[in-house]
Every structure is written in structure tokens, then in C-alpha cells.
Amino acid sequence: GGALGAGGGALVGSSWDQQDQQAKVSNANYVPISAIASMGMQGAPDSVIIGDIQRTGSVYQLDSETINFLKQNKVSDRVIDAMLATNRK
């Protein structure tokens, strides 16, 4: 499972790697999508992940491939919804 997620991440990685790099320029505290996927795989509680996103002011523009990547890495719908909500502000 983890190896598959990592392999899939390499395929989609370029679109969110660019997003992560651009976000880091404007927000040094930005939580990268790969870090959220890692937290999901490690079983971090939703409240911890969402708290990190809110505390750091991270903003995400998720496409369907990135959402699928997050789900493959056990990131909950609640966290994905919170990530999507950051782009509506």
C-alpha cells in the first residue's frame, strides 16, 4: 500500500510539487501536500492535520488526481474538505 502510494505520488507529484513550491514562497509555514499524505498514512487525527492547515494559513488548489492521491494515503474526506475550503476564502 505505502509503496503504491509513493509510486502514484511520483506520477502526480509534479502538479502539486509546483503548487507546494509556489506556496512556500508566499507562506514559509505552508504544510506541503506530501506532508499531509504522510500524516494520513501515519494515522494522525483529522483535528491535528486540520489544525496544522489552519494555524499555518496554508491554501490548496486540489485537482482530482491530487484528491485521489490523498485518499490513497488514508487522508480523510474531512481533511480534504478542509483543504478545499482554504481556496474559497
C-alpha atoms as a PDB file:
ATOM      1  CA  GLY A   1       0.000   0.000   0.000  1.00  0.00           C
ATOM      2  CA  GLY A   2       2.651   2.528   1.000  1.00  0.00           C
ATOM      3  CA  ALA A   3       4.875   1.723  -1.952  1.00  0.00           C
ATOM      4  CA  LEU A   4       1.927   2.027  -4.292  1.00  0.00           C
ATOM      5  CA  GLY A   5       1.014   5.404  -2.819  1.00  0.00           C
ATOM      6  CA  ALA A   6       4.584   6.590  -3.187  1.00  0.00           C
ATOM      7  CA  GLY A   7       4.716   5.417  -6.800  1.00  0.00           C
ATOM      8  CA  GLY A   8       1.430   7.102  -7.595  1.00  0.00           C
ATOM      9  CA  GLY A   9       2.753  10.214  -5.922  1.00  0.00           C
ATOM     10  CA  ALA A  10       5.647  10.346  -8.344  1.00  0.00           C
ATOM     11  CA  LEU A  11       3.197  10.438 -11.244  1.00  0.00           C
ATOM     12  CA  VAL A  12       1.003  13.221  -9.883  1.00  0.00           C
ATOM     13  CA  GLY A  13       3.752  14.828  -7.906  1.00  0.00           C
ATOM     14  CA  SER A  14       4.755  17.391 -10.474  1.00  0.00           C
ATOM     15  CA  SER A  15       1.500  19.374 -10.335  1.00  0.00           C
ATOM     16  CA  TRP A  16       1.391  19.600  -6.560  1.00  0.00           C
ATOM     17  CA  ASP A  17       5.158  19.893  -6.208  1.00  0.00           C
ATOM     18  CA  GLN A  18       4.894  23.115  -8.217  1.00  0.00           C
ATOM     19  CA  GLN A  19       1.964  24.262  -6.074  1.00  0.00           C
ATOM     20  CA  ASP A  20       3.929  23.433  -2.924  1.00  0.00           C
ATOM     21  CA  GLN A  21       6.989  25.357  -4.144  1.00  0.00           C
ATOM     22  CA  GLN A  22       4.938  28.419  -5.076  1.00  0.00           C
ATOM     23  CA  ALA A  23       3.052  28.325  -1.769  1.00  0.00           C
ATOM     24  CA  LYS A  24       6.324  28.124   0.199  1.00  0.00           C
ATOM     25  CA  VAL A  25       7.425  31.379  -1.449  1.00  0.00           C
ATOM     26  CA  SER A  26       4.395  33.268  -0.132  1.00  0.00           C
ATOM     27  CA  ASN A  27       3.973  31.293   3.121  1.00  0.00           C
ATOM     28  CA  ALA A  28       7.070  29.839   4.782  1.00  0.00           C
ATOM     29  CA  ASN A  29       4.829  27.852   7.176  1.00  0.00           C
ATOM     30  CA  TYR A  30       2.847  26.163   4.360  1.00  0.00           C
ATOM     31  CA  VAL A  31       2.127  22.462   5.006  1.00  0.00           C
ATOM     32  CA  PRO A  32       3.053  20.553   1.810  1.00  0.00           C
ATOM     33  CA  ILE A  33       0.576  18.103   0.295  1.00  0.00           C
ATOM     34  CA  SER A  34       3.169  15.333   0.702  1.00  0.00           C
ATOM     35  CA  ALA A  35       3.328  16.082   4.450  1.00  0.00           C
ATOM     36  CA  ILE A  36      -0.459  15.809   4.717  1.00  0.00           C
ATOM     37  CA  ALA A  37      -0.316  12.470   2.867  1.00  0.00           C
ATOM     38  CA  SER A  38       2.373  11.283   5.305  1.00  0.00           C
ATOM     39  CA  MET A  39       0.263  12.331   8.284  1.00  0.00           C
ATOM     40  CA  GLY A  40      -2.679  10.425   6.795  1.00  0.00           C
ATOM     41  CA  MET A  41      -0.582   7.275   6.346  1.00  0.00           C
ATOM     42  CA  GLN A  42       0.656   7.576   9.939  1.00  0.00           C
ATOM     43  CA  GLY A  43      -2.910   7.805  11.228  1.00  0.00           C
ATOM     44  CA  ALA A  44      -2.697  11.371  12.553  1.00  0.00           C
ATOM     45  CA  PRO A  45      -6.101  12.561  13.842  1.00  0.00           C
ATOM     46  CA  ASP A  46      -8.084  14.792  11.480  1.00  0.00           C
ATOM     47  CA  SER A  47      -8.120  17.544  14.110  1.00  0.00           C
ATOM     48  CA  VAL A  48      -4.296  17.625  14.172  1.00  0.00           C
ATOM     49  CA  ILE A  49      -3.969  17.830  10.380  1.00  0.00           C
ATOM     50  CA  ILE A  50      -6.734  20.444  10.048  1.00  0.00           C
ATOM     51  CA  GLY A  51      -5.223  22.392  12.944  1.00  0.00           C
ATOM     52  CA  ASP A  52      -1.857  22.498  11.149  1.00  0.00           C
ATOM     53  CA  ILE A  53      -3.522  23.695   7.938  1.00  0.00           C
ATOM     54  CA  GLN A  54      -5.458  26.445   9.741  1.00  0.00           C
ATOM     55  CA  ARG A  55      -2.600  27.519  12.025  1.00  0.00           C
ATOM     56  CA  THR A  56      -0.211  27.934   9.094  1.00  0.00           C
ATOM     57  CA  GLY A  57      -2.700  29.624   6.754  1.00  0.00           C
ATOM     58  CA  SER A  58      -1.952  27.049   4.057  1.00  0.00           C
ATOM     59  CA  VAL A  59      -4.093  27.333   0.914  1.00  0.00           C
ATOM     60  CA  TYR A  60      -4.645  24.457  -1.528  1.00  0.00           C
ATOM     61  CA  GLN A  61      -5.941  24.104  -5.069  1.00  0.00           C
ATOM     62  CA  LEU A  62      -6.721  20.409  -5.321  1.00  0.00           C
ATOM     63  CA  ASP A  63      -7.415  18.673  -8.610  1.00  0.00           C
ATOM     64  CA  SER A  64      -8.978  15.213  -8.873  1.00  0.00           C
ATOM     65  CA  GLU A  65      -5.588  13.483  -9.206  1.00  0.00           C
ATOM     66  CA  THR A  66      -4.312  15.123  -6.017  1.00  0.00           C
ATOM     67  CA  ILE A  67      -7.523  14.237  -4.165  1.00  0.00           C
ATOM     68  CA  ASN A  68      -7.149  10.609  -5.288  1.00  0.00           C
ATOM     69  CA  PHE A  69      -3.509  10.640  -4.134  1.00  0.00           C
ATOM     70  CA  LEU A  70      -4.563  11.948  -0.717  1.00  0.00           C
ATOM     71  CA  LYS A  71      -7.312   9.313  -0.404  1.00  0.00           C
ATOM     72  CA  GLN A  72      -4.845   6.550  -1.356  1.00  0.00           C
ATOM     73  CA  ASN A  73      -2.687   7.792   1.511  1.00  0.00           C
ATOM     74  CA  LYS A  74      -5.561   7.489   4.000  1.00  0.00           C
ATOM     75  CA  VAL A  75      -6.313  11.229   4.245  1.00  0.00           C
ATOM     76  CA  SER A  76      -9.965  11.522   5.309  1.00  0.00           C
ATOM     77  CA  ASP A  77     -12.730  13.315   3.422  1.00  0.00           C
ATOM     78  CA  ARG A  78     -12.969  15.711   6.383  1.00  0.00           C
ATOM     79  CA  VAL A  79      -9.342  16.796   5.900  1.00  0.00           C
ATOM     80  CA  ILE A  80      -9.758  17.022   2.108  1.00  0.00           C
ATOM     81  CA  ASP A  81     -12.881  19.182   2.594  1.00  0.00           C
ATOM     82  CA  ALA A  82     -10.892  21.446   4.946  1.00  0.00           C
ATOM     83  CA  MET A  83      -8.140  21.721   2.317  1.00  0.00           C
ATOM     84  CA  LEU A  84     -10.679  22.563  -0.409  1.00  0.00           C
ATOM     85  CA  ALA A  85     -12.241  25.206   1.866  1.00  0.00           C
ATOM     86  CA  THR A  86      -8.917  27.068   2.090  1.00  0.00           C
ATOM     87  CA  ASN A  87      -9.242  28.067  -1.556  1.00  0.00           C
ATOM     88  CA  ARG A  88     -12.695  29.619  -1.065  1.00  0.00           C
ATOM     89  CA  LYS A  89     -11.545  32.392   1.251  1.00  0.00           C
END
